Protein backbone atom coordinates (compact mmCIF):
# COMPACT_ATOMS: atom_id res chain seq x y z
CA MET A 1 -78.70 7.32 62.06
CA ASP A 2 -76.06 5.98 64.38
CA LEU A 3 -74.36 4.23 61.41
CA GLY A 4 -74.40 7.55 59.35
CA LEU A 5 -72.75 9.42 62.14
CA LYS A 6 -70.06 6.74 62.61
CA LEU A 7 -69.54 6.93 58.76
CA ILE A 8 -69.10 10.71 58.81
CA ASP A 9 -66.74 10.49 61.88
CA ALA A 10 -64.52 7.83 60.13
CA LEU A 11 -64.67 10.12 56.89
CA PHE A 12 -63.28 12.96 59.05
CA TYR A 13 -60.52 10.81 60.46
CA ALA A 14 -59.70 9.37 56.89
CA ILE A 15 -59.56 12.65 54.98
CA PRO A 16 -56.58 13.96 56.84
CA ALA A 17 -54.72 10.71 56.63
CA ILE A 18 -55.42 10.30 52.84
CA VAL A 19 -54.25 13.93 52.20
CA THR A 20 -51.09 13.29 54.23
CA GLY A 21 -50.47 10.10 52.31
CA VAL A 22 -50.80 11.65 49.01
CA ILE A 23 -48.60 14.67 49.88
CA ALA A 24 -46.00 12.08 51.21
CA TYR A 25 -46.31 10.10 47.96
CA TYR A 26 -45.59 13.18 45.89
CA PHE A 27 -42.79 14.47 48.10
CA PHE A 28 -40.91 11.09 47.90
CA ARG A 29 -41.47 10.76 44.33
CA GLU A 30 -40.08 14.15 43.59
CA HIS A 31 -37.12 13.46 46.10
CA THR A 32 -36.43 10.06 44.39
CA LYS A 33 -36.52 11.78 40.96
CA ASN A 34 -34.11 14.54 42.05
CA GLU A 35 -31.76 11.86 43.51
CA ASP A 36 -31.78 9.92 40.39
CA GLY A 37 -30.98 13.03 38.49
CA ARG A 38 -28.13 13.89 40.71
CA ARG A 39 -26.64 10.37 40.45
CA ARG A 40 -26.78 10.50 36.64
CA PHE A 41 -25.20 13.89 36.75
CA LEU A 42 -22.41 12.76 38.93
CA LEU A 43 -21.87 9.57 36.90
CA GLN A 44 -21.84 11.68 33.58
CA LYS A 45 -19.33 14.07 35.18
CA ASP A 46 -17.10 11.15 36.23
CA LEU A 47 -17.36 9.48 32.82
CA GLN A 48 -16.44 12.77 31.18
CA VAL A 49 -13.51 13.25 33.50
CA LYS A 50 -12.25 9.79 32.34
CA SER A 51 -13.03 10.05 28.72
CA MET A 52 -11.69 13.59 28.23
CA PRO A 53 -8.04 12.59 27.91
CA LEU A 54 -8.85 9.77 25.51
CA ARG A 55 -10.78 12.30 23.20
CA LEU A 56 -8.00 14.80 23.50
CA GLN A 57 -5.40 11.97 22.54
CA ALA A 58 -7.65 11.02 19.61
CA TYR A 59 -7.74 14.57 18.30
CA GLU A 60 -3.97 14.93 18.66
CA ARG A 61 -3.25 11.80 16.70
CA MET A 62 -5.74 13.01 14.02
CA VAL A 63 -3.77 16.35 13.72
CA LEU A 64 -0.49 14.33 13.62
CA PHE A 65 -2.09 12.18 10.83
CA LEU A 66 -3.23 15.27 8.95
CA GLU A 67 0.25 16.89 9.36
CA ARG A 68 2.05 13.81 8.07
CA ILE A 69 -0.19 13.51 4.96
CA THR A 70 0.21 17.21 4.04
CA PRO A 71 1.79 16.81 0.51
CA SER A 72 4.74 19.10 0.96
CA LYS A 73 5.71 17.40 4.21
CA LEU A 74 4.83 13.83 2.84
CA THR A 75 7.07 14.29 -0.21
CA VAL A 76 10.13 15.63 1.76
CA ARG A 77 9.76 12.72 4.37
CA VAL A 78 9.08 9.92 1.68
CA GLN A 79 12.00 9.75 -0.66
CA PRO A 80 11.52 7.97 -4.08
CA THR A 81 13.36 4.60 -4.29
CA SER A 82 13.79 4.94 -8.03
CA SER A 83 13.08 7.37 -10.81
CA ASP A 84 9.82 5.60 -11.76
CA LYS A 85 7.00 8.14 -11.12
CA ASP A 86 4.36 5.45 -10.84
CA ALA A 87 6.37 3.52 -8.24
CA TYR A 88 6.69 6.94 -6.24
CA GLU A 89 2.99 7.74 -6.73
CA SER A 90 2.23 4.16 -5.33
CA LEU A 91 4.61 4.75 -2.55
CA LEU A 92 3.09 8.07 -1.53
CA VAL A 93 -0.36 6.65 -1.57
CA ALA A 94 0.56 3.47 0.37
CA ASN A 95 2.09 5.84 2.94
CA ILE A 96 -0.99 7.79 3.34
CA GLU A 97 -3.22 4.60 3.59
CA GLN A 98 -0.77 2.94 6.22
CA GLU A 99 -0.93 6.20 8.34
CA PHE A 100 -4.77 6.17 8.05
CA GLU A 101 -5.13 2.66 9.06
CA HIS A 102 -2.76 3.24 11.92
CA ASN A 103 -5.27 5.75 13.21
CA LEU A 104 -8.61 4.00 12.33
CA SER A 105 -9.48 3.40 15.75
CA GLN A 106 -9.51 7.05 16.62
CA GLN A 107 -12.93 7.43 14.92
CA ILE A 108 -14.78 6.36 18.02
CA TYR A 109 -13.41 9.35 20.09
CA VAL A 110 -13.98 12.07 17.44
CA SER A 111 -17.57 13.26 16.09
CA GLN A 112 -18.91 11.86 12.80
CA ASP A 113 -18.53 15.12 11.01
CA CYS A 114 -14.83 15.39 12.16
CA TRP A 115 -14.18 11.88 10.84
CA ASN A 116 -15.94 12.66 7.59
CA ILE A 117 -13.85 15.67 7.00
CA ILE A 118 -10.61 13.77 7.93
CA CYS A 119 -11.52 11.03 5.42
CA ALA A 120 -12.20 13.72 2.71
CA ALA A 121 -9.00 15.30 3.33
CA LYS A 122 -7.01 11.90 3.00
CA ASN A 123 -9.01 11.10 -0.28
CA ALA A 124 -8.45 14.80 -1.63
CA THR A 125 -4.67 14.35 -0.84
CA ILE A 126 -4.62 10.97 -2.66
CA GLN A 127 -6.27 12.51 -5.51
CA LEU A 128 -4.03 15.43 -5.80
CA ILE A 129 -1.09 13.15 -6.01
CA ARG A 130 -2.69 11.09 -8.74
CA LYS A 131 -3.49 14.19 -10.77
CA ALA A 132 0.08 15.55 -10.28
CA SER A 133 1.21 12.10 -11.70
CA LEU A 134 -1.00 12.40 -14.65
CA LEU A 135 0.41 15.65 -15.87
CA GLU A 136 2.58 15.36 -19.02
CA LYS A 137 5.45 17.35 -17.52
CA THR A 138 5.54 14.64 -14.82
CA ASP A 139 8.04 11.96 -16.01
CA THR A 140 10.07 11.12 -13.20
CA ALA A 141 9.72 10.56 -9.37
CA ASN A 142 11.66 13.76 -8.71
CA LYS A 143 9.52 15.83 -11.06
CA LEU A 144 6.48 14.40 -9.47
CA ARG A 145 7.94 15.62 -6.07
CA GLU A 146 8.67 18.94 -7.67
CA VAL A 147 4.98 19.32 -9.10
CA ILE A 148 3.41 18.42 -5.88
CA LEU A 149 5.55 20.94 -3.88
CA THR A 150 4.86 23.74 -6.49
CA GLU A 151 1.17 22.95 -6.38
CA MET A 152 1.26 23.20 -2.56
CA MET A 153 2.86 26.62 -2.87
CA GLU A 154 -0.01 27.81 -4.98
CA LYS A 155 -2.85 26.56 -2.87
CA ARG A 156 -3.67 25.23 0.48
CA ALA A 157 -3.24 21.46 1.32
CA PRO A 158 -6.57 19.41 1.77
CA SER A 159 -5.67 18.72 5.27
CA ASP A 160 -5.64 22.44 6.15
CA ALA A 161 -9.56 22.55 6.30
CA ALA A 162 -9.55 19.22 8.48
CA LEU A 163 -7.20 20.83 10.87
CA SER A 164 -9.22 23.99 11.30
CA PHE A 165 -12.30 21.81 11.98
CA ILE A 166 -10.42 19.78 14.59
CA LYS A 167 -9.19 22.98 16.24
CA LYS A 168 -12.73 24.31 16.21
CA GLU A 169 -14.06 21.07 17.72
CA VAL A 170 -11.52 20.90 20.58
CA ASN A 171 -12.09 24.61 21.38
CA ASP A 172 -15.91 23.85 21.76
CA MET A 173 -15.16 20.98 24.18
CA TRP A 174 -14.26 23.69 26.67
């Protein structure tokens, strides 16, 4: 009997200690989880502050790229070196490709959807130039310029849709 009483007494002393230990465990576990979350939030916030200027600069460069490959601006900026329309077509396409390669590294700062739209605008611009070159009325470099400029008066440039998408994506960053 004496052993039974001692066991019950020990149990009465152990139960509050066990309950206190379990409560302390859960409290410290929640506290540690909250602290980890707070640290992650502060780290994320710090990284965002540092990366935001780089992302904005990438979007600016992509806007500049799209503006430079707009056919009406491209044909004004890039003058034909001869009257050969094929040479001028090649010069325009090479100019677009050079601009694109110069800005290739910016893809890591913009979304995948944005990059795909920029690539589509570049390809559509090249296709527009090639189609204009294939027309029968296009027989000289100056006529090619004229056809491209006339076509741009009648419809929107392929880069306009990409510019709109970039503007929307930058506005969504705020």
